Amino acid sequence: MNKPKVSILMATYNNANYVTEAIQSILDQTFNDWEFIIVNDGSTDSTLETIKQIAKEDNRIIILNNESNSGVIKSLNKGLKVAKGEYVAKIDGDDVWTHREKLEKQVDFLENNLNYSLVGTWSRIVDRERKHLENMTGPSSDEDIRKIILKYNCFNHSSIVIRKSTLDKVGYYDENRNLCEDYELWLRIGKVAKIFNIPEFWVDYRVNPNSITQTKFDECDVDMNAIKDQYQNDYNLSMWDKIIERARRYYPLWFKHLTYKLKRRTAIIIFKVAKK
């Protein structure tokens, strides 16, 4: 049996209400040389039964089942260890790929740009009913990403495609972390290869109020700061950005107050100009 070009990876826990839609967005892709590794992380709802039912119709879907909840990082690494593709794509169990040519275009990009190892896309942030809330954008070029990646995560996890050979070189997700595992991996990849974002909205990122990102915001912020410190010598912020980042980190209340005053002052100026 020939190896698939792409290994698509999903780690899912209690996503029975959304996982069918997520899987269907993979099945609808124009690029079809893939295997789809779904790690059910000990779901207590009907997620596993739903996945099994869909897998009966497509032998490219591979199900790995954790008897108990192991966490997203271990589950993702479990999938990576059996992945056979030249490239690895990722989607969460409650997100949706909205463009049928998403995977095809990202594979083409990596095929034609051998010095790049990570390519993502822009995303729409949606609620549980997929009502559009706002957009998730960011810099596209490697040069621009490197200027600000120490300020915030420039990639949506469900949008990325990565060279598997680069993952084998730098390592998989860090299992010593509890949070921000994707952000740390992007920074690790960026040390050995170029990275890119396609400036198109090809993913719907569903906001889940019960997700770790939403329920452990303060812990995420602490972990992000530790990661930034770890990689501060590998990516360069401008002097002004370094000052702002230090103020945001060490004087959060003052920084929040200053930001509010600046926004309010800007709004007043715009209002006055509009009246003239």
C-alpha atoms as a PDB file:
ATOM      1  CA  MET A   1       0.000   0.000   0.000  1.00  0.00           C
ATOM      2  CA  ASN A   2       1.370   3.415  -1.011  1.00  0.00           C
ATOM      3  CA  LYS A   3       2.013   5.962   1.693  1.00  0.00           C
ATOM      4  CA  PRO A   4      -0.437   8.870   1.723  1.00  0.00           C
ATOM      5  CA  LYS A   5       0.865  12.324   0.876  1.00  0.00           C
ATOM      6  CA  VAL A   6      -0.774  13.901   3.926  1.00  0.00           C
ATOM      7  CA  SER A   7      -1.640  12.668   7.399  1.00  0.00           C
ATOM      8  CA  ILE A   8      -4.548  14.677   8.796  1.00  0.00           C
ATOM      9  CA  LEU A   9      -4.624  14.634  12.585  1.00  0.00           C
ATOM     10  CA  MET A  10      -7.500  15.178  14.985  1.00  0.00           C
ATOM     11  CA  ALA A  11      -7.557  14.715  18.753  1.00  0.00           C
ATOM     12  CA  THR A  12     -11.118  14.985  20.003  1.00  0.00           C
ATOM     13  CA  TYR A  13     -12.921  14.805  23.327  1.00  0.00           C
ATOM     14  CA  ASN A  14     -16.702  15.022  23.735  1.00  0.00           C
ATOM     15  CA  ASN A  15     -17.310  16.693  20.375  1.00  0.00           C
ATOM     16  CA  ALA A  16     -20.302  14.576  19.342  1.00  0.00           C
ATOM     17  CA  ASN A  17     -22.295  17.661  18.353  1.00  0.00           C
ATOM     18  CA  TYR A  18     -19.627  18.936  15.957  1.00  0.00           C
ATOM     19  CA  VAL A  19     -17.293  16.139  14.876  1.00  0.00           C
ATOM     20  CA  THR A  20     -19.431  15.044  11.902  1.00  0.00           C
ATOM     21  CA  GLU A  21     -19.214  18.531  10.420  1.00  0.00           C
ATOM     22  CA  ALA A  22     -15.451  18.642  11.017  1.00  0.00           C
ATOM     23  CA  ILE A  23     -14.900  15.270   9.331  1.00  0.00           C
ATOM     24  CA  GLN A  24     -17.162  16.161   6.414  1.00  0.00           C
ATOM     25  CA  SER A  25     -15.045  19.242   5.710  1.00  0.00           C
ATOM     26  CA  ILE A  26     -12.093  16.854   5.221  1.00  0.00           C
ATOM     27  CA  LEU A  27     -14.057  14.478   3.000  1.00  0.00           C
ATOM     28  CA  ASP A  28     -15.085  17.444   0.829  1.00  0.00           C
ATOM     29  CA  GLN A  29     -11.487  18.437   0.038  1.00  0.00           C
ATOM     30  CA  THR A  30     -10.379  18.334  -3.609  1.00  0.00           C
ATOM     31  CA  PHE A  31      -7.051  16.839  -2.491  1.00  0.00           C
ATOM     32  CA  ASN A  32      -7.715  13.238  -1.481  1.00  0.00           C
ATOM     33  CA  ASP A  33      -4.309  11.566  -1.092  1.00  0.00           C
ATOM     34  CA  TRP A  34      -4.510  11.444   2.689  1.00  0.00           C
ATOM     35  CA  GLU A  35      -5.025   9.371   5.788  1.00  0.00           C
ATOM     36  CA  PHE A  36      -7.161  10.792   8.569  1.00  0.00           C
ATOM     37  CA  ILE A  37      -5.966   9.807  12.042  1.00  0.00           C
ATOM     38  CA  ILE A  38      -8.615  10.538  14.670  1.00  0.00           C
ATOM     39  CA  VAL A  39      -7.644  10.070  18.306  1.00  0.00           C
ATOM     40  CA  ASN A  40     -10.699   9.766  20.527  1.00  0.00           C
ATOM     41  CA  ASP A  41      -9.407  10.930  23.892  1.00  0.00           C
ATOM     42  CA  GLY A  42     -11.676   8.962  26.205  1.00  0.00           C
ATOM     43  CA  SER A  43     -14.900  10.748  25.244  1.00  0.00           C
ATOM     44  CA  THR A  44     -17.870  10.096  27.524  1.00  0.00           C
ATOM     45  CA  ASP A  45     -20.487  11.156  24.970  1.00  0.00           C
ATOM     46  CA  SER A  46     -21.223   9.541  21.589  1.00  0.00           C
ATOM     47  CA  THR A  47     -18.119  10.927  19.830  1.00  0.00           C
ATOM     48  CA  LEU A  48     -16.496   7.509  19.357  1.00  0.00           C
ATOM     49  CA  GLU A  49     -19.669   5.906  17.997  1.00  0.00           C
ATOM     50  CA  THR A  50     -20.128   8.805  15.566  1.00  0.00           C
ATOM     51  CA  ILE A  51     -16.562   8.512  14.277  1.00  0.00           C
ATOM     52  CA  LYS A  52     -16.830   4.744  13.873  1.00  0.00           C
ATOM     53  CA  GLN A  53     -20.010   5.083  11.847  1.00  0.00           C
ATOM     54  CA  ILE A  54     -18.360   7.545   9.437  1.00  0.00           C
ATOM     55  CA  ALA A  55     -15.174   5.444   9.209  1.00  0.00           C
ATOM     56  CA  LYS A  56     -17.189   2.484   7.896  1.00  0.00           C
ATOM     57  CA  GLU A  57     -17.665   4.444   4.669  1.00  0.00           C
ATOM     58  CA  ASP A  58     -14.026   5.502   4.166  1.00  0.00           C
ATOM     59  CA  ASN A  59     -11.016   3.290   4.875  1.00  0.00           C
ATOM     60  CA  ARG A  60      -8.695   6.298   4.906  1.00  0.00           C
ATOM     61  CA  ILE A  61     -10.014   7.118   8.388  1.00  0.00           C
ATOM     62  CA  ILE A  62      -7.937   5.555  11.176  1.00  0.00           C
ATOM     63  CA  ILE A  63      -9.335   5.577  14.712  1.00  0.00           C
ATOM     64  CA  LEU A  64      -7.110   5.468  17.787  1.00  0.00           C
ATOM     65  CA  ASN A  65      -8.998   5.227  21.050  1.00  0.00           C
ATOM     66  CA  ASN A  66      -7.806   6.255  24.506  1.00  0.00           C
ATOM     67  CA  GLU A  67      -9.720   4.336  27.157  1.00  0.00           C
ATOM     68  CA  SER A  68      -9.413   7.333  29.459  1.00  0.00           C
ATOM     69  CA  ASN A  69      -8.722  11.012  28.875  1.00  0.00           C
ATOM     70  CA  SER A  70      -4.979  11.553  28.290  1.00  0.00           C
ATOM     71  CA  GLY A  71      -5.052  15.191  27.223  1.00  0.00           C
ATOM     72  CA  VAL A  72      -4.644  16.793  23.830  1.00  0.00           C
ATOM     73  CA  ILE A  73      -0.822  16.833  23.769  1.00  0.00           C
ATOM     74  CA  LYS A  74      -0.348  13.114  24.371  1.00  0.00           C
ATOM     75  CA  SER A  75      -3.191  12.333  21.991  1.00  0.00           C
ATOM     76  CA  LEU A  76      -1.670  14.412  19.197  1.00  0.00           C
ATOM     77  CA  ASN A  77       1.712  12.769  19.680  1.00  0.00           C
ATOM     78  CA  LYS A  78       0.041   9.364  19.644  1.00  0.00           C
ATOM     79  CA  GLY A  79      -1.319  10.195  16.222  1.00  0.00           C
ATOM     80  CA  LEU A  80       1.991  11.605  14.978  1.00  0.00           C
ATOM     81  CA  LYS A  81       3.806   8.401  15.898  1.00  0.00           C
ATOM     82  CA  VAL A  82       1.722   6.393  13.424  1.00  0.00           C
ATOM     83  CA  ALA A  83       1.429   9.104  10.738  1.00  0.00           C
ATOM     84  CA  LYS A  84       2.857   8.010   7.390  1.00  0.00           C
ATOM     85  CA  GLY A  85       2.335  11.155   5.338  1.00  0.00           C
ATOM     86  CA  GLU A  86       4.975  13.478   3.962  1.00  0.00           C
ATOM     87  CA  TYR A  87       2.953  16.317   5.431  1.00  0.00           C
ATOM     88  CA  VAL A  88       0.846  16.637   8.575  1.00  0.00           C
ATOM     89  CA  ALA A  89      -2.351  18.690   8.716  1.00  0.00           C
ATOM     90  CA  LYS A  90      -4.380  19.381  11.839  1.00  0.00           C
ATOM     91  CA  ILE A  91      -8.026  20.024  12.645  1.00  0.00           C
ATOM     92  CA  ASP A  92      -9.893  20.175  15.957  1.00  0.00           C
ATOM     93  CA  GLY A  93     -13.047  18.140  16.436  1.00  0.00           C
ATOM     94  CA  ASP A  94     -15.258  21.234  16.537  1.00  0.00           C
ATOM     95  CA  ASP A  95     -13.646  23.274  13.735  1.00  0.00           C
ATOM     96  CA  VAL A  96     -14.362  23.279   9.999  1.00  0.00           C
ATOM     97  CA  TRP A  97     -12.252  23.649   6.865  1.00  0.00           C
ATOM     98  CA  THR A  98     -14.391  26.000   4.793  1.00  0.00           C
ATOM     99  CA  HIS A  99     -12.494  25.976   1.483  1.00  0.00           C
ATOM    100  CA  ARG A 100     -12.546  22.776  -0.568  1.00  0.00           C
ATOM    101  CA  GLU A 101      -9.089  23.501  -2.019  1.00  0.00           C
ATOM    102  CA  LYS A 102      -7.458  24.356   1.310  1.00  0.00           C
ATOM    103  CA  LEU A 103      -5.329  21.234   1.588  1.00  0.00           C
ATOM    104  CA  GLU A 104      -4.490  21.187  -2.124  1.00  0.00           C
ATOM    105  CA  LYS A 105      -3.223  24.758  -2.083  1.00  0.00           C
ATOM    106  CA  GLN A 106      -1.179  24.286   1.100  1.00  0.00           C
ATOM    107  CA  VAL A 107       0.461  21.128  -0.235  1.00  0.00           C
ATOM    108  CA  ASP A 108       1.242  22.963  -3.492  1.00  0.00           C
ATOM    109  CA  PHE A 109       2.843  25.763  -1.487  1.00  0.00           C
ATOM    110  CA  LEU A 110       5.151  23.392   0.390  1.00  0.00           C
ATOM    111  CA  GLU A 111       5.946  21.420  -2.760  1.00  0.00           C
ATOM    112  CA  ASN A 112       7.051  24.623  -4.495  1.00  0.00           C
ATOM    113  CA  ASN A 113       8.822  26.240  -1.519  1.00  0.00           C
ATOM    114  CA  LEU A 114      11.209  23.670  -0.119  1.00  0.00           C
ATOM    115  CA  ASN A 115      12.712  26.052   2.460  1.00  0.00           C
ATOM    116  CA  TYR A 116       9.306  26.382   4.174  1.00  0.00           C
ATOM    117  CA  SER A 117       8.048  23.794   6.669  1.00  0.00           C
ATOM    118  CA  LEU A 118       4.874  25.325   8.118  1.00  0.00           C
ATOM    119  CA  VAL A 119       1.980  26.976   6.334  1.00  0.00           C
ATOM    120  CA  GLY A 120      -1.259  28.129   7.926  1.00  0.00           C
ATOM    121  CA  THR A 121      -4.250  30.218   6.844  1.00  0.00           C
ATOM    122  CA  TRP A 122      -6.431  32.950   8.251  1.00  0.00           C
ATOM    123  CA  SER A 123      -9.611  31.910  10.079  1.00  0.00           C
ATOM    124  CA  ARG A 124     -13.056  33.092  11.052  1.00  0.00           C
ATOM    125  CA  ILE A 125     -13.973  32.902  14.732  1.00  0.00           C
ATOM    126  CA  VAL A 126     -17.503  31.509  15.087  1.00  0.00           C
ATOM    127  CA  ASP A 127     -19.819  30.541  17.913  1.00  0.00           C
ATOM    128  CA  ARG A 128     -21.268  27.089  18.517  1.00  0.00           C
ATOM    129  CA  GLU A 129     -23.877  27.631  15.779  1.00  0.00           C
ATOM    130  CA  ARG A 130     -21.120  28.873  13.436  1.00  0.00           C
ATOM    131  CA  LYS A 131     -22.316  32.443  13.578  1.00  0.00           C
ATOM    132  CA  HIS A 132     -19.460  34.710  12.544  1.00  0.00           C
ATOM    133  CA  LEU A 133     -18.014  36.640  15.500  1.00  0.00           C
ATOM    134  CA  GLU A 134     -14.743  38.088  14.218  1.00  0.00           C
ATOM    135  CA  ASN A 135     -11.737  37.336  12.041  1.00  0.00           C
ATOM    136  CA  MET A 136      -8.417  35.807  13.014  1.00  0.00           C
ATOM    137  CA  THR A 137      -5.751  37.338  10.785  1.00  0.00           C
ATOM    138  CA  GLY A 138      -2.047  38.038  11.068  1.00  0.00           C
ATOM    139  CA  PRO A 139       1.125  38.503   9.069  1.00  0.00           C
ATOM    140  CA  SER A 140       1.678  36.273   6.045  1.00  0.00           C
ATOM    141  CA  SER A 141       5.337  36.401   5.073  1.00  0.00           C
ATOM    142  CA  ASP A 142       8.090  34.695   7.018  1.00  0.00           C
ATOM    143  CA  GLU A 143       9.797  38.042   7.554  1.00  0.00           C
ATOM    144  CA  ASP A 144       6.701  39.719   8.973  1.00  0.00           C
ATOM    145  CA  ILE A 145       5.755  36.733  11.140  1.00  0.00           C
ATOM    146  CA  ARG A 146       9.189  36.723  12.751  1.00  0.00           C
ATOM    147  CA  LYS A 147       8.810  40.376  13.700  1.00  0.00           C
ATOM    148  CA  ILE A 148       5.789  39.751  15.916  1.00  0.00           C
ATOM    149  CA  ILE A 149       5.548  36.039  16.721  1.00  0.00           C
ATOM    150  CA  LEU A 150       6.944  36.744  20.191  1.00  0.00           C
ATOM    151  CA  LYS A 151       3.972  39.062  20.761  1.00  0.00           C
ATOM    152  CA  TYR A 152       1.244  36.533  19.929  1.00  0.00           C
ATOM    153  CA  ASN A 153       0.527  33.210  18.252  1.00  0.00           C
ATOM    154  CA  CYS A 154       0.279  33.907  14.509  1.00  0.00           C
ATOM    155  CA  PHE A 155      -1.225  30.531  13.548  1.00  0.00           C
ATOM    156  CA  ASN A 156      -4.583  28.849  14.062  1.00  0.00           C
ATOM    157  CA  HIS A 157      -3.872  25.255  15.042  1.00  0.00           C
ATOM    158  CA  SER A 158      -6.640  23.883  12.807  1.00  0.00           C
ATOM    159  CA  SER A 159      -5.228  25.646   9.750  1.00  0.00           C
ATOM    160  CA  ILE A 160      -1.647  24.377   9.666  1.00  0.00           C
ATOM    161  CA  VAL A 161       0.167  21.934   7.379  1.00  0.00           C
ATOM    162  CA  ILE A 162       3.710  20.902   8.380  1.00  0.00           C
ATOM    163  CA  ARG A 163       6.477  18.865   6.790  1.00  0.00           C
ATOM    164  CA  LYS A 164       6.682  15.590   8.700  1.00  0.00           C
ATOM    165  CA  SER A 165      10.477  15.493   8.185  1.00  0.00           C
ATOM    166  CA  THR A 166      10.758  18.774  10.098  1.00  0.00           C
ATOM    167  CA  LEU A 167       8.662  17.388  12.958  1.00  0.00           C
ATOM    168  CA  ASP A 168      10.907  14.321  13.056  1.00  0.00           C
ATOM    169  CA  LYS A 169      13.874  16.698  13.282  1.00  0.00           C
ATOM    170  CA  VAL A 170      12.698  19.159  15.947  1.00  0.00           C
ATOM    171  CA  GLY A 171      10.417  16.801  17.878  1.00  0.00           C
ATOM    172  CA  TYR A 172       6.664  16.585  18.349  1.00  0.00           C
ATOM    173  CA  TYR A 173       4.477  18.425  20.862  1.00  0.00           C
ATOM    174  CA  ASP A 174       6.207  18.936  24.216  1.00  0.00           C
ATOM    175  CA  GLU A 175       4.470  16.612  26.680  1.00  0.00           C
ATOM    176  CA  ASN A 176       6.028  18.478  29.609  1.00  0.00           C
ATOM    177  CA  ARG A 177       3.663  21.347  28.839  1.00  0.00           C
ATOM    178  CA  ASN A 178       0.058  21.641  29.895  1.00  0.00           C
ATOM    179  CA  LEU A 179      -0.834  24.603  27.678  1.00  0.00           C
ATOM    180  CA  CYS A 180       0.237  26.498  24.547  1.00  0.00           C
ATOM    181  CA  GLU A 181       1.800  23.378  23.022  1.00  0.00           C
ATOM    182  CA  ASP A 182       1.089  24.576  19.489  1.00  0.00           C
ATOM    183  CA  TYR A 183       2.708  28.005  19.966  1.00  0.00           C
ATOM    184  CA  GLU A 184       5.892  26.464  21.336  1.00  0.00           C
ATOM    185  CA  LEU A 185       6.054  24.031  18.411  1.00  0.00           C
ATOM    186  CA  TRP A 186       5.724  26.842  15.839  1.00  0.00           C
ATOM    187  CA  LEU A 187       8.651  28.647  17.458  1.00  0.00           C
ATOM    188  CA  ARG A 188      10.699  25.462  17.403  1.00  0.00           C
ATOM    189  CA  ILE A 189       9.950  24.900  13.719  1.00  0.00           C
ATOM    190  CA  GLY A 190      10.765  28.523  12.919  1.00  0.00           C
ATOM    191  CA  LYS A 191      14.309  28.015  14.202  1.00  0.00           C
ATOM    192  CA  VAL A 192      15.081  25.558  11.382  1.00  0.00           C
ATOM    193  CA  ALA A 193      12.762  26.579   8.523  1.00  0.00           C
ATOM    194  CA  LYS A 194      10.634  29.362   7.099  1.00  0.00           C
ATOM    195  CA  ILE A 195       6.956  29.723   8.023  1.00  0.00           C
ATOM    196  CA  PHE A 196       4.014  31.255   6.164  1.00  0.00           C
ATOM    197  CA  ASN A 197       0.325  32.159   6.445  1.00  0.00           C
ATOM    198  CA  ILE A 198      -1.949  32.148   3.398  1.00  0.00           C
ATOM    199  CA  PRO A 199      -4.062  35.332   3.793  1.00  0.00           C
ATOM    200  CA  GLU A 200      -7.387  33.637   3.100  1.00  0.00           C
ATOM    201  CA  PHE A 201     -10.194  32.642   5.496  1.00  0.00           C
ATOM    202  CA  TRP A 202     -10.229  28.878   5.005  1.00  0.00           C
ATOM    203  CA  VAL A 203     -11.077  27.706   8.550  1.00  0.00           C
ATOM    204  CA  ASP A 204     -13.959  28.293  10.937  1.00  0.00           C
ATOM    205  CA  TYR A 205     -12.567  28.258  14.473  1.00  0.00           C
ATOM    206  CA  ARG A 206     -15.402  27.458  16.857  1.00  0.00           C
ATOM    207  CA  VAL A 207     -15.166  29.159  20.261  1.00  0.00           C
ATOM    208  CA  ASN A 208     -15.869  26.603  22.955  1.00  0.00           C
ATOM    209  CA  PRO A 209     -16.538  28.156  26.392  1.00  0.00           C
ATOM    210  CA  ASN A 210     -15.390  24.908  28.016  1.00  0.00           C
ATOM    211  CA  SER A 211     -12.043  24.702  26.224  1.00  0.00           C
ATOM    212  CA  ILE A 212      -8.757  25.018  28.090  1.00  0.00           C
ATOM    213  CA  THR A 213      -8.015  28.308  26.313  1.00  0.00           C
ATOM    214  CA  GLN A 214     -11.253  29.831  27.605  1.00  0.00           C
ATOM    215  CA  THR A 215     -11.275  28.388  31.143  1.00  0.00           C
ATOM    216  CA  LYS A 216      -7.574  28.774  31.967  1.00  0.00           C
ATOM    217  CA  PHE A 217      -6.828  32.151  30.445  1.00  0.00           C
ATOM    218  CA  ASP A 218      -4.453  33.298  33.205  1.00  0.00           C
ATOM    219  CA  GLU A 219      -2.503  30.032  33.124  1.00  0.00           C
ATOM    220  CA  CYS A 220      -2.225  30.317  29.332  1.00  0.00           C
ATOM    221  CA  ASP A 221      -0.841  33.826  29.697  1.00  0.00           C
ATOM    222  CA  VAL A 222       1.804  32.650  32.173  1.00  0.00           C
ATOM    223  CA  ASP A 223       2.801  29.759  29.919  1.00  0.00           C
ATOM    224  CA  MET A 224       2.981  32.053  26.871  1.00  0.00           C
ATOM    225  CA  ASN A 225       5.336  34.370  28.727  1.00  0.00           C
ATOM    226  CA  ALA A 226       7.589  31.449  29.691  1.00  0.00           C
ATOM    227  CA  ILE A 227       7.707  30.320  26.051  1.00  0.00           C
ATOM    228  CA  LYS A 228       8.530  33.848  24.878  1.00  0.00           C
ATOM    229  CA  ASP A 229      11.425  33.992  27.353  1.00  0.00           C
ATOM    230  CA  GLN A 230      12.678  30.631  26.105  1.00  0.00           C
ATOM    231  CA  TYR A 231      12.850  31.807  22.481  1.00  0.00           C
ATOM    232  CA  GLN A 232      13.645  35.504  22.919  1.00  0.00           C
ATOM    233  CA  ASN A 233      17.130  35.098  21.410  1.00  0.00           C
ATOM    234  CA  ASP A 234      15.802  33.301  18.321  1.00  0.00           C
ATOM    235  CA  TYR A 235      13.268  35.947  17.251  1.00  0.00           C
ATOM    236  CA  ASN A 236      13.807  39.686  17.401  1.00  0.00           C
ATOM    237  CA  LEU A 237      11.200  42.222  18.440  1.00  0.00           C
ATOM    238  CA  SER A 238      11.781  45.903  17.742  1.00  0.00           C
ATOM    239  CA  MET A 239      12.904  47.987  20.702  1.00  0.00           C
ATOM    240  CA  TRP A 240       9.457  49.618  20.904  1.00  0.00           C
ATOM    241  CA  ASP A 241       7.723  46.223  20.871  1.00  0.00           C
ATOM    242  CA  LYS A 242      10.054  44.987  23.601  1.00  0.00           C
ATOM    243  CA  ILE A 243       9.080  47.970  25.779  1.00  0.00           C
ATOM    244  CA  ILE A 244       5.375  47.356  25.170  1.00  0.00           C
ATOM    245  CA  GLU A 245       5.705  43.629  25.823  1.00  0.00           C
ATOM    246  CA  ARG A 246       7.598  44.233  29.075  1.00  0.00           C
ATOM    247  CA  ALA A 247       4.968  46.742  30.223  1.00  0.00           C
ATOM    248  CA  ARG A 248       2.136  44.351  29.352  1.00  0.00           C
ATOM    249  CA  ARG A 249       3.799  41.510  31.228  1.00  0.00           C
ATOM    250  CA  TYR A 250       5.101  43.161  34.381  1.00  0.00           C
ATOM    251  CA  TYR A 251       2.625  46.019  34.812  1.00  0.00           C
ATOM    252  CA  PRO A 252      -0.640  44.466  33.549  1.00  0.00           C
ATOM    253  CA  LEU A 253      -3.072  46.798  35.380  1.00  0.00           C
ATOM    254  CA  TRP A 254      -1.202  49.922  34.327  1.00  0.00           C
ATOM    255  CA  PHE A 255      -0.908  48.626  30.769  1.00  0.00           C
ATOM    256  CA  LYS A 256      -4.630  47.804  30.592  1.00  0.00           C
ATOM    257  CA  HIS A 257      -5.487  51.285  31.914  1.00  0.00           C
ATOM    258  CA  LEU A 258      -3.138  52.971  29.410  1.00  0.00           C
ATOM    259  CA  THR A 259      -4.524  50.931  26.522  1.00  0.00           C
ATOM    260  CA  TYR A 260      -8.072  51.880  27.499  1.00  0.00           C
ATOM    261  CA  LYS A 261      -7.174  55.590  27.661  1.00  0.00           C
ATOM    262  CA  LEU A 262      -5.446  55.473  24.277  1.00  0.00           C
ATOM    263  CA  LYS A 263      -8.432  53.747  22.662  1.00  0.00           C
ATOM    264  CA  ARG A 264     -10.822  56.239  24.242  1.00  0.00           C
ATOM    265  CA  ARG A 265      -8.696  59.192  23.121  1.00  0.00           C
ATOM    266  CA  THR A 266      -8.516  57.785  19.575  1.00  0.00           C
ATOM    267  CA  ALA A 267     -12.288  57.332  19.504  1.00  0.00           C
ATOM    268  CA  ILE A 268     -12.798  60.972  20.588  1.00  0.00           C
ATOM    269  CA  ILE A 269     -10.445  62.237  17.872  1.00  0.00           C
ATOM    270  CA  ILE A 270     -12.203  60.168  15.199  1.00  0.00           C
ATOM    271  CA  PHE A 271     -15.586  61.462  16.404  1.00  0.00           C
ATOM    272  CA  LYS A 272     -14.422  65.089  16.255  1.00  0.00           C
ATOM    273  CA  VAL A 273     -12.960  64.645  12.785  1.00  0.00           C
ATOM    274  CA  ALA A 274     -16.156  62.973  11.568  1.00  0.00           C
ATOM    275  CA  LYS A 275     -18.242  65.956  12.797  1.00  0.00           C
ATOM    276  CA  LYS A 276     -16.219  68.502  10.809  1.00  0.00           C
END
